[in-house]
């Protein structure tokens, strides 16, 4: 692909705006509350777009068009359950986090139960976020590799360095404000691609609706199966549970909700993300349908490697079809999708490392300036770890959309179960929570290994979307049982 002046102009404008926002956000950093929570003064609407940018950017930007290109709109079913999950978080978790004035949400577990629960949950978060954000970084880096022709490793490194630069200086304020910009960029890019495609295909919107197989537009599947990940009841229940876990127990996403001035503003930001999730996901699914119709009617034949992998179709289209300027916007959109996931991840990982481990156990009682310097060191270290994770995850095969969810299945259940013990029961004991969380993950690893190795024949024991539900029930039930019989340290009751 040959870049022209218009493409360079769009990219230069994007990176200049990004640098300006990061520079402005880097001023007046006085301590960890400023660096990790923006002084608890962030406007709720900016938090809304920041959460959306992180949540739907990297995997959705490439994976959702690939999903609707190769299959249908079943992925949209998860949005219904996701909205329910957000309402539960707003009602159950956020009030507890605001009352505790926590910076890391795992501090709440320390307040409620003790340090075994807190450190186990933080450890689960480290593993989960490194893997899940490694997948997100990999997905968009693969797309950038396709559109630029450069090798994968240099692209991963460049994306990481750009995100590191403004996050290192500006903390969560830089993350939120750059996410607002990046959300606008990659949604604008998607809409521009849809508009271009509808003008390029025979009959435009009417032609698409009349000639595309209705099965490719199907959203709902009301059949019943515990081994399918795309039927409505599975999507509703697991969309709710996965969102409940991801946005309620993962510091990466929950941290943004704690930057608002008041509880009500954090709740408002969260609920609005659930409402806006429907049109956002629908745009990307529609993009996949438009690509399918385009290549069935007027597009040139796809190369064999692209035709075999729907995740590559959109990047291939950007390279070979889009005109100058629009192409630059779409490439900027891919960069935005990458960095909006990476910046928040490294900031959240650093916040948990400092607030849950370094500050209370390694160097208690130090000055705020010391903790601020250490926070920036952790930001750099976790950025390096995420680059490593992306490179290693590239060795795995399969659709990247679902891989982004699968890597969270083993630990999110344990996290959600222990937080539910804290807010929805008077039970739970510190050490028993540790054993409940660890045993739930071990059981899920056993199930996955059994399915992978066909230990019990060819039949799948349990579809991966159920893993979080099973892990949650196991952790909550086992933790409550042990506490009921006073096993596992001091009681969590207050």
Protein backbone atom coordinates (compact mmCIF):
# COMPACT_ATOMS: atom_id res chain seq x y z
CA UNK A 1 0.00 0.00 0.00
CA UNK A 2 1.24 3.45 -0.87
CA UNK A 3 0.44 6.29 1.49
CA UNK A 4 -0.32 9.68 -0.04
CA UNK A 5 -0.38 13.17 1.40
CA UNK A 6 -4.03 12.97 2.53
CA UNK A 7 -3.32 9.81 4.56
CA UNK A 8 -0.29 11.36 6.22
CA UNK A 9 -2.29 14.51 6.99
CA UNK A 10 -5.04 12.55 8.77
CA UNK A 11 -2.53 10.49 10.76
CA UNK A 12 -0.51 13.59 11.68
CA UNK A 13 -3.66 15.31 12.90
CA UNK A 14 -4.63 12.30 15.02
CA UNK A 15 -1.25 11.91 16.69
CA UNK A 16 -0.89 15.66 17.24
CA UNK A 17 -4.26 15.77 19.00
CA UNK A 18 -3.30 12.75 21.05
CA UNK A 19 -0.02 14.34 22.11
CA UNK A 20 -1.67 17.63 23.03
CA UNK A 21 -4.29 15.92 25.21
CA UNK A 22 -1.64 13.80 26.92
CA UNK A 23 0.55 16.84 27.58
CA UNK A 24 -2.29 18.88 29.07
CA UNK A 25 -3.37 15.99 31.28
CA UNK A 26 0.17 15.52 32.60
CA UNK A 27 0.15 18.79 34.54
CA UNK A 28 -0.63 19.09 38.25
CA UNK A 29 0.02 15.47 39.22
CA UNK A 30 0.53 15.58 43.01
CA UNK A 31 -0.04 12.03 44.19
CA UNK A 32 -1.60 8.64 43.56
CA UNK A 33 -5.18 9.93 43.83
CA UNK A 34 -4.47 12.39 41.01
CA UNK A 35 -2.55 9.83 38.97
CA UNK A 36 -4.97 6.90 39.34
CA UNK A 37 -8.33 8.63 39.97
CA UNK A 38 -7.95 12.09 38.42
CA UNK A 39 -8.51 13.66 41.83
CA UNK A 40 -12.05 12.21 41.68
CA UNK A 41 -13.07 15.17 39.51
CA UNK A 42 -13.71 13.63 36.06
CA UNK A 43 -17.01 14.45 34.28
CA UNK A 44 -19.34 11.48 33.96
CA UNK A 45 -19.85 11.81 30.20
CA UNK A 46 -16.10 11.58 29.55
CA UNK A 47 -15.97 8.49 31.77
CA UNK A 48 -18.80 6.98 29.69
CA UNK A 49 -16.89 7.32 26.43
CA UNK A 50 -13.64 6.18 28.04
CA UNK A 51 -15.25 2.95 29.28
CA UNK A 52 -16.79 2.35 25.85
CA UNK A 53 -13.49 3.02 24.10
CA UNK A 54 -11.69 0.46 26.24
CA UNK A 55 -14.47 -2.11 26.30
CA UNK A 56 -15.42 -2.32 22.64
CA UNK A 57 -12.40 -1.00 20.82
CA UNK A 58 -9.68 -3.45 19.94
CA UNK A 59 -11.50 -6.78 19.72
CA UNK A 60 -14.74 -5.31 18.37
CA UNK A 61 -13.05 -3.15 15.72
CA UNK A 62 -11.67 -6.19 13.91
CA UNK A 63 -13.52 -9.14 15.41
CA UNK A 64 -17.16 -7.97 15.11
CA UNK A 65 -16.99 -7.25 11.34
CA UNK A 66 -15.28 -10.62 10.94
CA UNK A 67 -18.04 -12.30 12.96
CA UNK A 68 -20.91 -10.87 10.88
CA UNK A 69 -18.96 -11.36 7.63
CA UNK A 70 -18.51 -15.06 8.31
CA UNK A 71 -21.65 -15.79 10.37
CA UNK A 72 -24.48 -13.53 11.57
CA UNK A 73 -25.46 -10.96 14.22
CA UNK A 74 -25.65 -13.38 17.18
CA UNK A 75 -22.93 -11.40 18.94
CA UNK A 76 -25.45 -8.58 19.53
CA UNK A 77 -27.36 -10.84 21.94
CA UNK A 78 -24.63 -10.31 24.51
CA UNK A 79 -25.51 -6.60 24.69
CA UNK A 80 -28.88 -7.41 26.32
CA UNK A 81 -27.26 -9.37 29.12
CA UNK A 82 -24.48 -6.80 29.33
CA UNK A 83 -26.97 -4.05 30.18
CA UNK A 84 -28.34 -6.16 33.04
CA UNK A 85 -24.83 -6.70 34.34
CA UNK A 86 -24.16 -2.96 34.42
CA UNK A 87 -27.33 -2.32 36.39
CA UNK A 88 -26.22 -4.88 38.98
CA UNK A 89 -22.81 -3.22 39.30
CA UNK A 90 -24.37 0.21 39.72
CA UNK A 91 -26.70 -1.11 42.42
CA UNK A 92 -24.41 -3.51 44.33
CA UNK A 93 -20.73 -2.71 43.82
CA UNK A 94 -20.30 1.00 43.19
CA UNK A 95 -21.93 2.10 46.48
CA UNK A 96 -19.53 -0.16 48.41
CA UNK A 97 -16.50 1.15 46.50
CA UNK A 98 -17.46 4.79 47.01
CA UNK A 99 -18.13 4.25 50.73
CA UNK A 100 -14.69 2.70 51.12
CA UNK A 101 -12.97 5.56 49.20
CA UNK A 102 -10.82 2.96 47.47
CA UNK A 103 -8.31 3.59 44.69
CA UNK A 104 -7.96 -0.08 43.78
CA UNK A 105 -11.19 -2.04 44.11
CA UNK A 106 -9.26 -4.86 45.77
CA UNK A 107 -8.73 -2.54 48.72
CA UNK A 108 -12.43 -3.11 49.42
CA UNK A 109 -11.77 -6.82 49.90
CA UNK A 110 -9.04 -5.95 52.38
CA UNK A 111 -11.46 -3.72 54.28
CA UNK A 112 -14.21 -6.35 54.21
CA UNK A 113 -12.25 -9.57 54.78
CA UNK A 114 -8.49 -9.15 55.03
CA UNK A 115 -5.29 -9.35 53.01
CA UNK A 116 -5.61 -12.95 51.79
CA UNK A 117 -8.77 -12.07 49.87
CA UNK A 118 -7.29 -8.79 48.68
CA UNK A 119 -3.99 -10.21 47.41
CA UNK A 120 -5.58 -13.25 45.78
CA UNK A 121 -8.04 -11.05 43.89
CA UNK A 122 -5.27 -8.68 42.82
CA UNK A 123 -3.21 -11.64 41.57
CA UNK A 124 -6.18 -12.92 39.57
CA UNK A 125 -6.55 -9.45 38.06
CA UNK A 126 -2.89 -9.29 37.03
CA UNK A 127 -3.11 -12.61 35.17
CA UNK A 128 -6.49 -11.85 33.59
CA UNK A 129 -5.65 -8.34 32.44
CA UNK A 130 -2.26 -9.27 31.01
CA UNK A 131 -3.84 -12.03 28.93
CA UNK A 132 -7.01 -10.18 27.87
CA UNK A 133 -5.25 -6.92 27.01
CA UNK A 134 -2.49 -8.90 25.31
CA UNK A 135 -5.16 -10.31 22.99
CA UNK A 136 -6.52 -6.83 22.28
CA UNK A 137 -3.08 -5.47 21.50
CA UNK A 138 -2.41 -8.46 19.24
CA UNK A 139 -5.67 -8.12 17.28
CA UNK A 140 -5.14 -4.53 16.22
CA UNK A 141 -1.43 -5.00 15.66
CA UNK A 142 -2.23 -7.83 13.25
CA UNK A 143 -4.59 -5.46 11.44
CA UNK A 144 -1.93 -2.74 11.28
CA UNK A 145 0.55 -5.32 9.98
CA UNK A 146 -1.85 -6.18 7.16
CA UNK A 147 -2.48 -2.56 6.14
CA UNK A 148 1.14 -1.42 6.42
CA UNK A 149 3.09 -4.50 5.38
CA UNK A 150 5.45 -4.14 8.35
CA UNK A 151 6.34 -7.11 10.61
CA UNK A 152 4.17 -7.72 13.65
CA UNK A 153 6.73 -7.20 16.44
CA UNK A 154 7.78 -3.64 15.46
CA UNK A 155 4.11 -2.65 15.17
CA UNK A 156 3.27 -4.02 18.63
CA UNK A 157 6.25 -2.14 20.03
CA UNK A 158 5.36 1.18 18.34
CA UNK A 159 1.72 1.00 19.47
CA UNK A 160 2.85 0.25 23.02
CA UNK A 161 5.35 3.12 23.09
CA UNK A 162 2.76 5.67 21.91
CA UNK A 163 0.28 4.56 24.58
CA UNK A 164 3.02 4.46 27.20
CA UNK A 165 4.16 8.03 26.50
CA UNK A 166 0.96 9.84 27.47
CA UNK A 167 -0.13 7.35 30.14
CA UNK A 168 3.24 7.60 31.86
CA UNK A 169 2.93 11.37 32.15
CA UNK A 170 -0.77 12.02 32.63
CA UNK A 171 -2.13 8.95 34.41
CA UNK A 172 -5.87 8.28 34.37
CA UNK A 173 -6.71 11.83 33.21
CA UNK A 174 -4.66 11.27 30.06
CA UNK A 175 -6.28 7.84 29.63
CA UNK A 176 -9.83 9.18 29.89
CA UNK A 177 -9.42 12.25 27.67
CA UNK A 178 -7.44 10.44 24.99
CA UNK A 179 -10.04 7.66 25.09
CA UNK A 180 -12.76 10.23 24.34
CA UNK A 181 -10.80 11.30 21.26
CA UNK A 182 -10.07 7.72 20.25
CA UNK A 183 -13.69 6.66 20.61
CA UNK A 184 -14.67 9.43 18.20
CA UNK A 185 -11.92 8.42 15.78
CA UNK A 186 -12.68 4.72 15.52
CA UNK A 187 -16.45 5.20 15.45
CA UNK A 188 -16.01 7.86 12.78
CA UNK A 189 -13.81 5.48 10.83
CA UNK A 190 -16.36 2.68 11.02
CA UNK A 191 -19.22 4.94 9.91
CA UNK A 192 -17.10 6.29 7.04
CA UNK A 193 -16.40 2.72 5.88
CA UNK A 194 -20.11 1.80 6.04
CA UNK A 195 -21.05 4.94 4.07
CA UNK A 196 -18.41 4.19 1.42
CA UNK A 197 -19.56 0.56 1.05
CA UNK A 198 -23.25 1.42 0.77
CA UNK A 199 -22.40 3.84 -2.04
CA UNK A 200 -20.22 1.26 -3.79
CA UNK A 201 -22.58 -1.76 -3.86
CA UNK A 202 -25.53 -2.25 -6.27
CA UNK A 203 -28.71 -0.71 -4.87
CA UNK A 204 -27.06 0.65 -1.75
CA UNK A 205 -28.98 -0.06 1.45
CA UNK A 206 -31.99 -1.43 -0.42
CA UNK A 207 -29.85 -3.76 -2.48
CA UNK A 208 -28.07 -5.03 0.61
CA UNK A 209 -31.31 -5.78 2.45
CA UNK A 210 -32.85 -7.54 -0.56
CA UNK A 211 -29.90 -9.65 -1.67
CA UNK A 212 -28.11 -10.69 1.52
CA UNK A 213 -29.30 -14.01 2.95
CA UNK A 214 -31.63 -13.24 5.92
CA UNK A 215 -29.76 -15.88 7.92
CA UNK A 216 -26.72 -13.59 7.92
CA UNK A 217 -28.79 -10.85 9.57
CA UNK A 218 -30.21 -13.08 12.29
CA UNK A 219 -29.69 -11.81 15.82
CA UNK A 220 -31.68 -14.20 18.01
CA UNK A 221 -31.38 -17.96 18.39
CA UNK A 222 -33.94 -19.28 20.90
CA UNK A 223 -32.90 -22.93 20.76
CA UNK A 224 -31.57 -24.60 23.90
CA UNK A 225 -28.06 -25.94 24.42
CA UNK A 226 -25.48 -25.72 27.16
CA UNK A 227 -22.64 -26.25 24.67
CA UNK A 228 -23.46 -23.40 22.25
CA UNK A 229 -22.10 -19.91 22.84
CA UNK A 230 -24.44 -18.12 20.40
CA UNK A 231 -28.01 -18.89 21.52
CA UNK A 232 -30.05 -16.17 23.23
CA UNK A 233 -30.39 -17.64 26.72
CA UNK A 234 -26.68 -18.39 26.92
CA UNK A 235 -25.85 -14.91 25.63
CA UNK A 236 -28.31 -13.22 28.02
CA UNK A 237 -27.12 -15.03 31.14
CA UNK A 238 -23.46 -15.02 30.29
CA UNK A 239 -23.51 -11.50 28.85
CA UNK A 240 -24.87 -10.38 32.20
CA UNK A 241 -22.37 -12.40 34.25
CA UNK A 242 -19.38 -11.54 32.06
CA UNK A 243 -20.17 -7.83 32.22
CA UNK A 244 -20.87 -8.07 35.95
CA UNK A 245 -17.42 -9.59 36.37
CA UNK A 246 -15.51 -7.49 33.82
CA UNK A 247 -16.83 -4.06 34.76
CA UNK A 248 -17.40 -4.83 38.43
CA UNK A 249 -14.29 -6.76 39.49
CA UNK A 250 -11.62 -5.79 36.92
CA UNK A 251 -9.68 -2.70 37.98
CA UNK A 252 -9.10 -1.79 34.34
CA UNK A 253 -12.75 -0.85 33.76
CA UNK A 254 -14.03 -0.18 37.28
CA UNK A 255 -11.27 2.35 37.96
CA UNK A 256 -12.87 4.85 35.55
CA UNK A 257 -16.17 4.79 37.46
CA UNK A 258 -14.35 5.82 40.65
CA UNK A 259 -12.97 9.00 39.08
CA UNK A 260 -16.36 10.76 39.15
CA UNK A 261 -17.19 13.34 41.81
CA UNK A 262 -20.13 11.44 43.29
CA UNK A 263 -21.57 7.93 43.33
CA UNK A 264 -24.57 9.00 41.25
CA UNK A 265 -22.31 10.25 38.46
CA UNK A 266 -20.36 6.99 38.39
CA UNK A 267 -23.62 5.04 38.18
CA UNK A 268 -24.90 7.29 35.39
CA UNK A 269 -21.70 6.83 33.38
CA UNK A 270 -21.92 3.06 33.71
CA UNK A 271 -25.60 2.74 32.74
CA UNK A 272 -25.13 4.97 29.69
CA UNK A 273 -22.36 2.67 28.44
CA UNK A 274 -24.88 -0.18 28.43
CA UNK A 275 -27.38 1.84 26.41
CA UNK A 276 -24.80 3.06 23.89
CA UNK A 277 -23.35 -0.43 23.54
CA UNK A 278 -26.23 -1.45 21.21
CA UNK A 279 -25.67 1.09 18.43
CA UNK A 280 -21.88 0.81 18.73
CA UNK A 281 -21.82 -2.97 18.25
CA UNK A 282 -24.51 -2.78 15.57
CA UNK A 283 -22.38 -0.40 13.47
CA UNK A 284 -19.49 -2.87 13.44
CA UNK A 285 -21.73 -5.83 12.67
CA UNK A 286 -23.31 -3.85 9.82
CA UNK A 287 -19.82 -3.11 8.54
CA UNK A 288 -19.15 -6.86 8.28
CA UNK A 289 -22.40 -7.38 6.34
CA UNK A 290 -21.53 -4.54 3.95
CA UNK A 291 -18.11 -6.09 3.37
CA UNK A 292 -19.72 -9.45 2.64
CA UNK A 293 -22.13 -7.91 0.10
CA UNK A 294 -19.34 -5.84 -1.46
CA UNK A 295 -17.08 -8.83 -2.10
CA UNK A 296 -20.02 -10.92 -3.34
CA UNK A 297 -20.96 -8.30 -5.93
CA UNK A 298 -18.34 -5.76 -6.98
CA UNK A 299 -15.18 -6.51 -5.03
CA UNK A 300 -12.13 -8.26 -6.43
CA UNK A 301 -11.62 -11.89 -5.34
CA UNK A 302 -10.05 -12.17 -1.91
CA UNK A 303 -6.61 -13.76 -1.55
CA UNK A 304 -6.85 -17.30 -0.12
CA UNK A 305 -5.35 -16.38 3.27
CA UNK A 306 -7.83 -13.48 3.68
CA UNK A 307 -10.82 -15.53 2.50
CA UNK A 308 -9.96 -18.19 5.07
CA UNK A 309 -9.88 -15.73 8.00
CA UNK A 310 -12.82 -13.27 8.31
CA UNK A 311 -10.79 -11.18 10.79
CA UNK A 312 -8.49 -10.18 7.90
CA UNK A 313 -11.21 -9.01 5.51
CA UNK A 314 -11.66 -5.51 6.95
CA UNK A 315 -7.91 -4.71 7.06
CA UNK A 316 -7.59 -6.06 3.48
CA UNK A 317 -10.45 -3.79 2.39
CA UNK A 318 -8.76 -0.76 3.97
CA UNK A 319 -5.54 -1.46 2.06
CA UNK A 320 -6.93 -2.31 -1.35
CA UNK A 321 -10.19 -0.38 -1.77
CA UNK A 322 -10.53 2.76 0.36
CA UNK A 323 -9.50 6.06 -1.22
CA UNK A 324 -6.78 8.31 0.20
CA UNK A 325 -7.85 10.28 3.24
CA UNK A 326 -10.58 7.82 4.17
CA UNK A 327 -7.90 5.17 4.30
CA UNK A 328 -5.85 7.38 6.61
CA UNK A 329 -8.87 7.79 8.90
CA UNK A 330 -9.36 4.03 9.10
CA UNK A 331 -5.69 3.46 9.87
CA UNK A 332 -5.91 6.11 12.58
CA UNK A 333 -8.99 4.25 13.85
CA UNK A 334 -6.98 1.05 14.19
CA UNK A 335 -4.31 2.91 16.14
CA UNK A 336 -7.04 4.40 18.34
CA UNK A 337 -8.53 0.95 18.94
CA UNK A 338 -5.14 -0.35 20.01
CA UNK A 339 -4.15 2.46 22.32
CA UNK A 340 -7.54 2.93 24.00
CA UNK A 341 -7.24 -0.64 25.29
CA UNK A 342 -3.57 -0.55 26.16
CA UNK A 343 -3.39 2.79 28.01
CA UNK A 344 -6.10 1.92 30.53
CA UNK A 345 -4.69 -1.57 31.09
CA UNK A 346 -1.21 -0.40 32.04
CA UNK A 347 -2.59 2.33 34.29
CA UNK A 348 -4.95 -0.09 36.05
CA UNK A 349 -2.27 -2.74 36.50
CA UNK A 350 0.05 -0.15 37.98
CA UNK A 351 -2.66 1.19 40.31
CA UNK A 352 -3.30 -2.27 41.74
CA UNK A 353 0.40 -3.04 42.05
CA UNK A 354 1.03 0.19 43.97
CA UNK A 355 -2.11 0.32 46.11
CA UNK A 356 -2.52 -3.40 46.86
CA UNK A 357 1.09 -4.56 47.14
CA UNK A 358 3.78 -1.87 47.15
CA UNK A 359 2.18 0.77 49.38
CA UNK A 360 0.80 -1.46 52.17
CA UNK A 361 3.50 -4.17 52.23
CA UNK A 362 6.73 -3.05 50.55
CA UNK A 363 7.07 0.63 51.51
CA UNK A 364 4.31 1.79 53.86
CA UNK A 365 4.36 5.38 55.09
CA UNK A 366 6.39 6.89 52.23
CA UNK A 367 5.61 10.29 50.70
CA UNK A 368 3.09 10.81 47.92
CA UNK A 369 5.88 11.97 45.60
CA UNK A 370 7.63 8.63 46.16
CA UNK A 371 4.49 6.64 45.35
CA UNK A 372 3.93 8.77 42.24
CA UNK A 373 7.43 7.95 40.97
CA UNK A 374 6.94 4.26 41.70
CA UNK A 375 3.58 4.35 39.90
CA UNK A 376 5.27 5.50 36.72
CA UNK A 377 7.87 2.74 37.03
CA UNK A 378 5.09 0.17 37.25
CA UNK A 379 3.35 1.70 34.21
CA UNK A 380 6.49 1.11 32.16
CA UNK A 381 6.99 -2.40 33.50
CA UNK A 382 3.44 -3.51 32.74
CA UNK A 383 3.63 -2.04 29.25
CA UNK A 384 6.62 -4.29 28.60
CA UNK A 385 4.74 -7.31 29.98
CA UNK A 386 1.75 -6.61 27.73
CA UNK A 387 3.98 -6.48 24.66
CA UNK A 388 5.40 -9.86 25.69
CA UNK A 389 1.91 -11.30 26.21
CA UNK A 390 0.76 -10.14 22.75
CA UNK A 391 3.75 -11.77 21.07
CA UNK A 392 3.20 -15.08 22.89
CA UNK A 393 -0.57 -15.11 22.26
CA UNK A 394 0.08 -14.77 18.54
CA UNK A 395 1.05 -18.44 18.58
CA UNK A 396 -2.56 -19.44 19.34
CA UNK A 397 -5.08 -20.08 16.58
CA UNK A 398 -8.81 -19.31 16.34
CA UNK A 399 -11.14 -16.32 15.99
CA UNK A 400 -9.80 -13.36 17.92
CA UNK A 401 -13.26 -12.07 18.90
CA UNK A 402 -13.99 -15.07 21.11
CA UNK A 403 -10.39 -15.47 22.26
CA UNK A 404 -10.67 -12.05 23.87
CA UNK A 405 -13.46 -13.42 26.08
CA UNK A 406 -12.11 -16.92 26.68
CA UNK A 407 -8.96 -15.76 28.45
CA UNK A 408 -11.05 -14.17 31.20
CA UNK A 409 -13.19 -17.25 31.85
CA UNK A 410 -10.84 -18.92 34.31
CA UNK A 411 -10.50 -16.08 36.82
CA UNK A 412 -13.50 -13.77 36.50
CA UNK A 413 -15.75 -16.27 38.29
CA UNK A 414 -13.49 -16.31 41.32
CA UNK A 415 -13.34 -12.51 41.37
CA UNK A 416 -17.08 -12.05 41.01
CA UNK A 417 -17.84 -14.71 43.62
CA UNK A 418 -15.68 -13.13 46.30
CA UNK A 419 -17.00 -9.60 45.64
CA UNK A 420 -20.55 -10.93 45.88
CA UNK A 421 -19.67 -12.51 49.22
CA UNK A 422 -18.58 -9.06 50.33
CA UNK A 423 -21.59 -7.02 49.25
CA UNK A 424 -24.48 -9.51 49.22
CA UNK A 425 -23.85 -11.61 52.31
CA UNK A 426 -22.67 -11.36 55.87
CA UNK A 427 -20.54 -14.43 55.39
CA UNK A 428 -17.06 -15.02 54.05
CA UNK A 429 -13.77 -15.47 55.86
CA UNK A 430 -10.40 -14.28 54.68
CA UNK A 431 -8.49 -17.55 54.13
CA UNK A 432 -11.56 -19.49 53.05
CA UNK A 433 -12.08 -16.94 50.28
CA UNK A 434 -8.58 -17.67 49.02
CA UNK A 435 -9.29 -21.41 48.81
CA UNK A 436 -12.67 -20.82 47.20
CA UNK A 437 -11.14 -18.68 44.46
CA UNK A 438 -8.17 -20.95 43.78
CA UNK A 439 -10.27 -24.12 43.73
CA UNK A 440 -12.82 -22.62 41.31
CA UNK A 441 -10.04 -21.74 38.85
CA UNK A 442 -8.47 -25.19 39.21
CA UNK A 443 -11.82 -26.82 38.45
CA UNK A 444 -12.34 -24.69 35.33
CA UNK A 445 -8.83 -25.45 34.10
CA UNK A 446 -9.66 -29.15 34.55
CA UNK A 447 -12.85 -28.74 32.48
CA UNK A 448 -10.99 -26.93 29.70
CA UNK A 449 -8.22 -29.54 29.65
CA UNK A 450 -10.79 -32.32 29.54
CA UNK A 451 -12.53 -30.75 26.55
CA UNK A 452 -9.26 -30.02 24.76
CA UNK A 453 -7.95 -33.55 25.29
CA UNK A 454 -11.32 -35.31 24.73
CA UNK A 455 -10.86 -37.12 28.03
CA UNK A 456 -14.54 -38.02 28.17
CA UNK A 457 -15.14 -38.61 24.48
CA UNK A 458 -15.80 -36.10 21.73
CA UNK A 459 -18.70 -34.32 23.44
CA UNK A 460 -17.93 -30.89 24.93
CA UNK A 461 -18.62 -30.85 28.67
CA UNK A 462 -19.44 -27.17 28.98
CA UNK A 463 -19.35 -24.21 26.56
CA UNK A 464 -16.76 -21.60 27.57
CA UNK A 465 -19.32 -18.79 28.24
CA UNK A 466 -20.56 -20.80 31.23
CA UNK A 467 -17.14 -20.82 32.87
CA UNK A 468 -17.63 -17.49 34.65
CA UNK A 469 -21.09 -18.50 35.90
CA UNK A 470 -19.73 -21.80 37.23
CA UNK A 471 -16.71 -20.10 38.81
CA UNK A 472 -18.92 -17.49 40.46
CA UNK A 473 -21.30 -20.07 41.92
CA UNK A 474 -18.41 -22.26 43.09
CA UNK A 475 -16.55 -19.38 44.78
CA UNK A 476 -19.61 -17.88 46.43
CA UNK A 477 -21.00 -21.26 47.59
CA UNK A 478 -17.70 -22.71 48.77
CA UNK A 479 -16.66 -19.47 50.49
CA UNK A 480 -20.02 -19.18 52.24
CA UNK A 481 -19.92 -22.86 53.31
CA UNK A 482 -16.43 -22.59 54.81
CA UNK A 483 -17.35 -19.38 56.62
CA UNK A 484 -20.56 -20.95 57.92
CA UNK A 485 -18.50 -23.58 59.71
CA UNK A 486 -15.85 -21.03 60.73
CA UNK A 487 -13.08 -22.37 58.49
CA UNK A 488 -10.46 -19.96 57.20
CA UNK A 489 -9.39 -17.16 59.51
CA UNK A 490 -11.29 -14.22 60.90
CA UNK A 491 -14.87 -13.60 59.94
CA UNK A 492 -15.77 -11.04 57.31
CA UNK A 493 -18.74 -9.79 59.32
CA UNK A 494 -18.71 -6.19 60.48
